[in-house]
């Protein structure tokens, strides 16, 4: 969903200094949550999957795609939280998720 581009921008702390750095460009959004997303996690060894948590009390496992019409597909909605999910993290191999609400 994001891609890096080169460009000059003004640093908020030093507004008179211009820096040439990479910046992100929003290409699309992935929609499945019904409230604010609180965290995004991705395993180190699998760039085709991310996990998101939200104030809607759900965790969603996404498959990332590279076709032009869609950047991500929600594959599984994990339930069980009685309050909004504050955070989600993944194990380094991406096999386990830990969440807190």
Protein backbone atom coordinates (compact mmCIF):
# COMPACT_ATOMS: atom_id res chain seq x y z
CA UNK A 1 0.00 0.00 0.00
CA UNK A 2 2.94 2.35 0.48
CA UNK A 3 5.89 3.03 -1.76
CA UNK A 4 9.02 5.05 -1.17
CA UNK A 5 9.79 8.13 -3.21
CA UNK A 6 12.65 10.59 -3.12
CA UNK A 7 11.85 14.18 -2.27
CA UNK A 8 12.73 17.24 -0.24
CA UNK A 9 10.67 18.04 2.81
CA UNK A 10 10.94 20.32 5.79
CA UNK A 11 11.76 18.79 9.15
CA UNK A 12 9.26 19.93 11.80
CA UNK A 13 12.02 20.70 14.32
CA UNK A 14 14.18 22.69 11.91
CA UNK A 15 11.76 24.28 9.50
CA UNK A 16 14.48 26.22 7.72
CA UNK A 17 16.57 23.11 6.94
CA UNK A 18 15.50 21.03 3.96
CA UNK A 19 16.42 17.37 3.83
CA UNK A 20 16.37 14.96 0.93
CA UNK A 21 15.02 11.64 2.19
CA UNK A 22 12.67 8.88 1.17
CA UNK A 23 9.01 9.41 1.99
CA UNK A 24 5.93 7.21 1.80
CA UNK A 25 3.10 7.64 -0.68
CA UNK A 26 -0.35 6.22 0.09
CA UNK A 27 -1.45 4.05 -2.84
CA UNK A 28 -4.62 2.49 -1.41
CA UNK A 29 -6.36 1.50 1.83
CA UNK A 30 -7.37 -1.93 3.07
CA UNK A 31 -10.84 -1.99 4.61
CA UNK A 32 -12.27 -4.58 7.00
CA UNK A 33 -12.26 -3.05 10.49
CA UNK A 34 -15.27 -1.01 11.60
CA UNK A 35 -13.32 1.21 14.02
CA UNK A 36 -9.83 2.67 14.42
CA UNK A 37 -6.86 0.37 13.85
CA UNK A 38 -4.66 0.32 16.96
CA UNK A 39 -1.69 -1.78 15.77
CA UNK A 40 -0.17 -3.42 12.71
CA UNK A 41 2.25 -6.36 13.00
CA UNK A 42 4.19 -8.30 10.42
CA UNK A 43 6.51 -11.29 10.80
CA UNK A 44 10.14 -10.89 9.83
CA UNK A 45 10.20 -13.81 7.39
CA UNK A 46 6.81 -13.43 5.65
CA UNK A 47 6.15 -10.15 3.88
CA UNK A 48 2.90 -11.47 2.35
CA UNK A 49 0.98 -11.31 5.65
CA UNK A 50 0.13 -8.65 8.23
CA UNK A 51 -2.06 -8.68 11.34
CA UNK A 52 -4.08 -5.69 12.55
CA UNK A 53 -5.89 -4.98 15.81
CA UNK A 54 -8.70 -2.49 16.28
CA UNK A 55 -11.10 -0.74 18.60
CA UNK A 56 -13.80 -2.93 17.02
CA UNK A 57 -12.56 -5.80 19.30
CA UNK A 58 -11.20 -7.86 16.38
CA UNK A 59 -7.83 -8.93 15.06
CA UNK A 60 -7.63 -9.44 11.30
CA UNK A 61 -5.06 -11.57 9.48
CA UNK A 62 -4.43 -10.16 6.00
CA UNK A 63 -2.85 -11.64 2.89
CA UNK A 64 -1.03 -8.98 0.93
CA UNK A 65 -1.47 -9.03 -2.84
CA UNK A 66 0.31 -7.33 -5.68
CA UNK A 67 -2.45 -7.08 -8.25
CA UNK A 68 -3.59 -3.61 -9.26
CA UNK A 69 -7.14 -3.83 -7.94
CA UNK A 70 -6.46 -4.82 -4.34
CA UNK A 71 -3.47 -4.59 -1.99
CA UNK A 72 -4.70 -6.82 0.80
CA UNK A 73 -7.38 -9.40 1.48
CA UNK A 74 -8.71 -10.12 4.99
CA UNK A 75 -8.26 -13.88 5.50
CA UNK A 76 -9.32 -14.43 9.09
CA UNK A 77 -11.09 -12.41 11.78
CA UNK A 78 -10.02 -13.39 15.30
CA UNK A 79 -12.58 -12.81 18.05
CA UNK A 80 -12.71 -13.12 21.82
CA UNK A 81 -11.81 -9.71 23.21
CA UNK A 82 -14.45 -8.04 25.40
CA UNK A 83 -12.90 -4.60 24.99
CA UNK A 84 -11.07 -2.91 22.12
CA UNK A 85 -7.76 -4.52 21.22
CA UNK A 86 -4.92 -2.19 22.22
CA UNK A 87 -2.01 -4.04 20.62
CA UNK A 88 -0.97 -7.12 18.70
CA UNK A 89 2.51 -8.57 18.19
CA UNK A 90 3.75 -11.60 16.29
CA UNK A 91 6.42 -14.14 17.08
CA UNK A 92 9.50 -13.88 14.87
CA UNK A 93 8.34 -16.84 12.76
CA UNK A 94 4.80 -15.44 12.42
CA UNK A 95 3.20 -18.55 13.91
CA UNK A 96 1.84 -16.95 17.10
CA UNK A 97 0.11 -13.67 17.91
CA UNK A 98 -0.19 -12.04 21.31
CA UNK A 99 -2.82 -9.37 21.85
CA UNK A 100 -4.00 -7.25 24.71
CA UNK A 101 -7.17 -5.30 25.44
